[in-house]
Amino acid sequence: MERDQQFLEYVVKALVDHPEDVKIGRTVDEMGVLLTLSVNKDDMGKVIGRSGATAKAIRTVLRVVGMKNDARVNLKIEEPEGSERGGETGASEPYVRDTTVDDVINDLKSE
């Protein structure tokens, strides 16, 4: 397991009530590293935080971990099945956040 994935697993499992449900996928392509996080639906609020603050913080630190290893790291947080945030139509596809670490860094710079 790579350092970025280990870091994410450690932090998220420390935050949630159901650490056994934490799943992290890792893919690498020409854009860099993509970590995909899935947690128990009851733990989504803890991972996202108020106004997305916790997710932003995790993404920011992942960016730093990635820079140390000369990698561009992005994080997608998958919306759990059965979640009420999946959209008004009740689509069978889970909602996936597509904010990149760059978006978060730019948001932090503009504050």
N, C-alpha and C. Protein backbone atom coordinates (compact mmCIF):
# COMPACT_ATOMS: atom_id res chain seq x y z
N MET A 1 0.86 -1.19 0.00
CA MET A 1 0.00 0.00 0.00
C MET A 1 0.90 1.24 0.00
N GLU A 2 0.57 2.20 -0.84
CA GLU A 2 1.37 3.42 -0.97
C GLU A 2 1.13 4.36 0.21
N ARG A 3 2.06 5.28 0.43
CA ARG A 3 1.98 6.18 1.58
C ARG A 3 0.71 7.05 1.57
N ASP A 4 0.32 7.53 0.38
CA ASP A 4 -0.88 8.38 0.32
C ASP A 4 -2.11 7.59 0.74
N GLN A 5 -2.18 6.34 0.29
CA GLN A 5 -3.32 5.48 0.64
C GLN A 5 -3.27 5.13 2.13
N GLN A 6 -2.09 4.85 2.65
CA GLN A 6 -1.95 4.54 4.09
C GLN A 6 -2.38 5.73 4.94
N PHE A 7 -1.96 6.92 4.53
CA PHE A 7 -2.32 8.13 5.26
C PHE A 7 -3.83 8.31 5.29
N LEU A 8 -4.45 8.21 4.12
CA LEU A 8 -5.90 8.39 4.03
C LEU A 8 -6.63 7.38 4.90
N GLU A 9 -6.20 6.12 4.83
CA GLU A 9 -6.84 5.08 5.62
C GLU A 9 -6.72 5.37 7.12
N TYR A 10 -5.53 5.76 7.56
CA TYR A 10 -5.30 6.06 8.97
C TYR A 10 -6.21 7.19 9.45
N VAL A 11 -6.25 8.30 8.69
CA VAL A 11 -7.02 9.46 9.10
C VAL A 11 -8.51 9.15 9.11
N VAL A 12 -9.01 8.54 8.04
CA VAL A 12 -10.45 8.30 7.93
C VAL A 12 -10.91 7.29 8.99
N LYS A 13 -10.14 6.23 9.19
CA LYS A 13 -10.54 5.24 10.21
C LYS A 13 -10.56 5.84 11.60
N ALA A 14 -9.72 6.85 11.84
CA ALA A 14 -9.72 7.52 13.14
C ALA A 14 -10.94 8.41 13.32
N LEU A 15 -11.53 8.86 12.21
CA LEU A 15 -12.68 9.77 12.27
C LEU A 15 -14.03 9.07 12.39
N VAL A 16 -14.15 7.90 11.80
CA VAL A 16 -15.46 7.26 11.63
C VAL A 16 -15.84 6.31 12.77
N ASP A 17 -17.13 5.99 12.84
CA ASP A 17 -17.63 5.02 13.82
C ASP A 17 -17.58 3.59 13.29
N HIS A 18 -17.47 3.44 11.96
CA HIS A 18 -17.46 2.11 11.34
C HIS A 18 -16.19 1.94 10.50
N PRO A 19 -15.01 1.84 11.16
CA PRO A 19 -13.75 1.75 10.40
C PRO A 19 -13.69 0.51 9.51
N GLU A 20 -14.44 -0.51 9.86
CA GLU A 20 -14.42 -1.74 9.05
C GLU A 20 -15.04 -1.52 7.67
N ASP A 21 -15.83 -0.45 7.51
CA ASP A 21 -16.48 -0.16 6.23
C ASP A 21 -15.67 0.78 5.34
N VAL A 22 -14.52 1.24 5.81
CA VAL A 22 -13.69 2.14 5.02
C VAL A 22 -13.00 1.35 3.91
N LYS A 23 -13.21 1.80 2.68
CA LYS A 23 -12.59 1.17 1.51
C LYS A 23 -11.92 2.25 0.69
N ILE A 24 -10.69 1.98 0.27
CA ILE A 24 -9.94 2.96 -0.51
C ILE A 24 -9.39 2.31 -1.75
N GLY A 25 -9.74 2.86 -2.91
CA GLY A 25 -9.18 2.40 -4.18
C GLY A 25 -8.10 3.38 -4.60
N ARG A 26 -7.13 2.88 -5.36
CA ARG A 26 -6.04 3.75 -5.83
C ARG A 26 -5.74 3.43 -7.28
N THR A 27 -5.80 4.46 -8.12
CA THR A 27 -5.44 4.29 -9.53
C THR A 27 -4.45 5.38 -9.90
N VAL A 28 -3.60 5.06 -10.86
CA VAL A 28 -2.61 6.01 -11.34
C VAL A 28 -2.75 6.12 -12.85
N ASP A 29 -2.80 7.36 -13.35
CA ASP A 29 -2.82 7.58 -14.79
C ASP A 29 -1.99 8.82 -15.09
N GLU A 30 -2.13 9.34 -16.31
CA GLU A 30 -1.32 10.49 -16.70
C GLU A 30 -1.64 11.74 -15.89
N MET A 31 -2.80 11.77 -15.25
CA MET A 31 -3.19 12.92 -14.42
C MET A 31 -2.64 12.82 -13.00
N GLY A 32 -2.14 11.66 -12.62
CA GLY A 32 -1.61 11.48 -11.27
C GLY A 32 -2.32 10.34 -10.57
N VAL A 33 -2.38 10.45 -9.25
CA VAL A 33 -2.98 9.42 -8.40
C VAL A 33 -4.42 9.81 -8.07
N LEU A 34 -5.33 8.87 -8.19
CA LEU A 34 -6.71 9.09 -7.77
C LEU A 34 -7.03 8.10 -6.66
N LEU A 35 -7.34 8.64 -5.49
CA LEU A 35 -7.80 7.82 -4.37
C LEU A 35 -9.31 7.93 -4.32
N THR A 36 -9.99 6.80 -4.23
CA THR A 36 -11.44 6.76 -4.16
C THR A 36 -11.83 6.22 -2.80
N LEU A 37 -12.55 7.03 -2.04
CA LEU A 37 -12.90 6.68 -0.66
C LEU A 37 -14.38 6.32 -0.56
N SER A 38 -14.64 5.24 0.13
CA SER A 38 -16.00 4.79 0.39
C SER A 38 -16.12 4.51 1.88
N VAL A 39 -17.16 5.05 2.52
CA VAL A 39 -17.38 4.83 3.96
C VAL A 39 -18.84 4.47 4.20
N ASN A 40 -19.13 4.02 5.40
CA ASN A 40 -20.50 3.73 5.82
C ASN A 40 -21.32 5.02 5.70
N LYS A 41 -22.58 4.89 5.27
CA LYS A 41 -23.41 6.09 5.06
C LYS A 41 -23.58 6.90 6.34
N ASP A 42 -23.53 6.25 7.49
CA ASP A 42 -23.67 6.97 8.76
C ASP A 42 -22.43 7.80 9.09
N ASP A 43 -21.31 7.54 8.41
CA ASP A 43 -20.06 8.24 8.68
C ASP A 43 -19.76 9.35 7.68
N MET A 44 -20.60 9.54 6.67
CA MET A 44 -20.32 10.55 5.65
C MET A 44 -20.16 11.95 6.25
N GLY A 45 -21.00 12.30 7.19
CA GLY A 45 -20.92 13.62 7.80
C GLY A 45 -19.59 13.86 8.49
N LYS A 46 -19.06 12.83 9.11
CA LYS A 46 -17.77 12.96 9.80
C LYS A 46 -16.64 13.17 8.81
N VAL A 47 -16.71 12.51 7.66
CA VAL A 47 -15.65 12.61 6.65
C VAL A 47 -15.74 13.93 5.89
N ILE A 48 -16.95 14.38 5.59
CA ILE A 48 -17.13 15.63 4.85
C ILE A 48 -16.94 16.84 5.76
N GLY A 49 -17.53 16.79 6.95
CA GLY A 49 -17.41 17.90 7.88
C GLY A 49 -18.35 19.04 7.53
N ARG A 50 -18.42 20.00 8.43
CA ARG A 50 -19.30 21.15 8.23
C ARG A 50 -18.83 21.96 7.03
N SER A 51 -19.72 22.16 6.08
CA SER A 51 -19.41 22.87 4.83
C SER A 51 -18.22 22.27 4.09
N GLY A 52 -17.98 20.99 4.29
CA GLY A 52 -16.90 20.32 3.57
C GLY A 52 -15.51 20.57 4.15
N ALA A 53 -15.44 21.14 5.34
CA ALA A 53 -14.15 21.53 5.92
C ALA A 53 -13.23 20.34 6.16
N THR A 54 -13.76 19.24 6.65
CA THR A 54 -12.91 18.08 6.93
C THR A 54 -12.38 17.49 5.63
N ALA A 55 -13.24 17.35 4.64
CA ALA A 55 -12.81 16.82 3.34
C ALA A 55 -11.75 17.73 2.72
N LYS A 56 -11.92 19.05 2.82
CA LYS A 56 -10.93 19.99 2.29
C LYS A 56 -9.59 19.79 2.98
N ALA A 57 -9.63 19.64 4.30
CA ALA A 57 -8.39 19.47 5.05
C ALA A 57 -7.68 18.18 4.65
N ILE A 58 -8.44 17.10 4.52
CA ILE A 58 -7.85 15.82 4.11
C ILE A 58 -7.22 15.97 2.73
N ARG A 59 -7.93 16.60 1.81
CA ARG A 59 -7.41 16.79 0.45
C ARG A 59 -6.14 17.63 0.45
N THR A 60 -6.12 18.66 1.30
CA THR A 60 -4.94 19.52 1.37
C THR A 60 -3.72 18.74 1.85
N VAL A 61 -3.89 17.96 2.90
CA VAL A 61 -2.75 17.20 3.42
C VAL A 61 -2.36 16.09 2.44
N LEU A 62 -3.32 15.48 1.76
CA LEU A 62 -2.99 14.49 0.73
C LEU A 62 -2.15 15.12 -0.38
N ARG A 63 -2.45 16.37 -0.71
CA ARG A 63 -1.68 17.07 -1.73
C ARG A 63 -0.22 17.20 -1.29
N VAL A 64 0.00 17.52 -0.02
CA VAL A 64 1.35 17.65 0.52
C VAL A 64 2.06 16.29 0.53
N VAL A 65 1.34 15.25 0.94
CA VAL A 65 1.91 13.89 0.92
C VAL A 65 2.31 13.53 -0.51
N GLY A 66 1.46 13.86 -1.46
CA GLY A 66 1.76 13.58 -2.86
C GLY A 66 2.96 14.34 -3.35
N MET A 67 3.08 15.62 -2.99
CA MET A 67 4.22 16.43 -3.43
C MET A 67 5.53 15.85 -2.90
N LYS A 68 5.49 15.32 -1.70
CA LYS A 68 6.70 14.71 -1.12
C LYS A 68 7.15 13.52 -1.96
N ASN A 69 6.21 12.86 -2.60
CA ASN A 69 6.50 11.69 -3.42
C ASN A 69 6.42 11.99 -4.92
N ASP A 70 6.49 13.28 -5.27
CA ASP A 70 6.43 13.72 -6.67
C ASP A 70 5.20 13.18 -7.40
N ALA A 71 4.06 13.20 -6.73
CA ALA A 71 2.82 12.71 -7.34
C ALA A 71 1.71 13.73 -7.10
N ARG A 72 0.81 13.82 -8.06
CA ARG A 72 -0.37 14.67 -7.93
C ARG A 72 -1.50 13.77 -7.41
N VAL A 73 -1.99 14.04 -6.22
CA VAL A 73 -2.98 13.18 -5.59
C VAL A 73 -4.34 13.87 -5.55
N ASN A 74 -5.36 13.19 -6.05
CA ASN A 74 -6.74 13.66 -6.00
C ASN A 74 -7.58 12.66 -5.21
N LEU A 75 -8.63 13.15 -4.59
CA LEU A 75 -9.50 12.30 -3.78
C LEU A 75 -10.94 12.44 -4.25
N LYS A 76 -11.58 11.30 -4.49
CA LYS A 76 -13.02 11.26 -4.74
C LYS A 76 -13.66 10.55 -3.56
N ILE A 77 -14.72 11.14 -3.05
CA ILE A 77 -15.47 10.52 -1.95
C ILE A 77 -16.77 10.03 -2.56
N GLU A 78 -16.96 8.72 -2.55
CA GLU A 78 -18.16 8.14 -3.14
C GLU A 78 -19.34 8.26 -2.19
N GLU A 79 -20.46 8.65 -2.74
CA GLU A 79 -21.68 8.72 -1.95
C GLU A 79 -22.17 7.29 -1.70
N PRO A 80 -22.43 6.92 -0.45
CA PRO A 80 -22.85 5.54 -0.16
C PRO A 80 -24.24 5.23 -0.72
N GLU A 81 -24.46 3.96 -1.02
CA GLU A 81 -25.78 3.53 -1.48
C GLU A 81 -26.80 3.77 -0.38
N GLY A 82 -27.98 4.18 -0.78
CA GLY A 82 -29.02 4.45 0.20
C GLY A 82 -28.94 5.85 0.76
N SER A 83 -27.99 6.63 0.30
CA SER A 83 -27.85 7.99 0.78
C SER A 83 -28.94 8.85 0.18
N GLU A 84 -29.33 9.88 0.91
CA GLU A 84 -30.36 10.79 0.42
C GLU A 84 -29.77 11.92 -0.39
N ARG A 85 -28.45 11.97 -0.55
CA ARG A 85 -27.82 13.05 -1.31
C ARG A 85 -27.64 12.67 -2.77
N GLY A 86 -28.01 11.47 -3.15
CA GLY A 86 -27.74 10.97 -4.49
C GLY A 86 -28.49 11.67 -5.60
N GLY A 87 -29.39 12.55 -5.30
CA GLY A 87 -30.12 13.27 -6.34
C GLY A 87 -31.61 13.08 -6.18
N GLU A 88 -32.38 13.96 -6.75
CA GLU A 88 -33.83 13.94 -6.58
C GLU A 88 -34.49 12.80 -7.34
N THR A 89 -33.83 12.30 -8.37
CA THR A 89 -34.45 11.27 -9.18
C THR A 89 -34.28 9.88 -8.59
N GLY A 90 -33.45 9.75 -7.56
CA GLY A 90 -33.21 8.43 -6.98
C GLY A 90 -32.42 7.55 -7.92
N ALA A 91 -31.47 8.12 -8.61
CA ALA A 91 -30.67 7.37 -9.59
C ALA A 91 -29.94 6.22 -8.91
N SER A 92 -29.75 5.14 -9.65
CA SER A 92 -29.07 3.98 -9.08
C SER A 92 -27.56 4.18 -9.00
N GLU A 93 -27.03 5.14 -9.78
CA GLU A 93 -25.60 5.42 -9.73
C GLU A 93 -25.30 6.21 -8.45
N PRO A 94 -24.25 5.85 -7.70
CA PRO A 94 -23.91 6.64 -6.52
C PRO A 94 -23.36 8.00 -6.93
N TYR A 95 -23.67 9.01 -6.15
CA TYR A 95 -23.14 10.35 -6.38
C TYR A 95 -21.65 10.35 -6.06
N VAL A 96 -20.84 10.94 -6.92
CA VAL A 96 -19.39 10.99 -6.70
C VAL A 96 -18.96 12.45 -6.70
N ARG A 97 -18.27 12.86 -5.65
CA ARG A 97 -17.72 14.22 -5.61
C ARG A 97 -16.56 14.28 -6.58
N ASP A 98 -16.47 15.36 -7.34
CA ASP A 98 -15.40 15.45 -8.31
C ASP A 98 -14.52 16.67 -8.09
N THR A 99 -14.50 17.19 -6.88
CA THR A 99 -13.62 18.29 -6.55
C THR A 99 -12.20 17.75 -6.45
N THR A 100 -11.28 18.42 -7.13
CA THR A 100 -9.89 17.99 -7.08
C THR A 100 -9.16 18.72 -5.98
N VAL A 101 -7.98 18.25 -5.66
CA VAL A 101 -7.15 18.90 -4.67
C VAL A 101 -6.82 20.32 -5.13
N ASP A 102 -6.60 20.49 -6.44
CA ASP A 102 -6.32 21.83 -6.97
C ASP A 102 -7.47 22.78 -6.67
N ASP A 103 -8.71 22.31 -6.82
CA ASP A 103 -9.87 23.14 -6.51
C ASP A 103 -9.85 23.55 -5.05
N VAL A 104 -9.51 22.62 -4.18
CA VAL A 104 -9.49 22.90 -2.74
C VAL A 104 -8.39 23.91 -2.42
N ILE A 105 -7.20 23.72 -3.00
CA ILE A 105 -6.09 24.65 -2.77
C ILE A 105 -6.49 26.06 -3.24
N ASN A 106 -7.11 26.15 -4.41
CA ASN A 106 -7.55 27.45 -4.91
C ASN A 106 -8.61 28.08 -4.01
N ASP A 107 -9.51 27.25 -3.47
CA ASP A 107 -10.51 27.76 -2.54
C ASP A 107 -9.84 28.32 -1.28
N LEU A 108 -8.85 27.58 -0.79
CA LEU A 108 -8.15 28.03 0.42
C LEU A 108 -7.39 29.33 0.16
N LYS A 109 -6.79 29.47 -1.01
CA LYS A 109 -6.05 30.69 -1.35
C LYS A 109 -6.97 31.89 -1.44
N SER A 110 -8.20 31.66 -1.88
CA SER A 110 -9.12 32.78 -2.08
C SER A 110 -9.82 33.20 -0.79
N GLU A 111 -9.64 32.45 0.27
CA GLU A 111 -10.32 32.81 1.55
C GLU A 111 -9.52 33.84 2.31
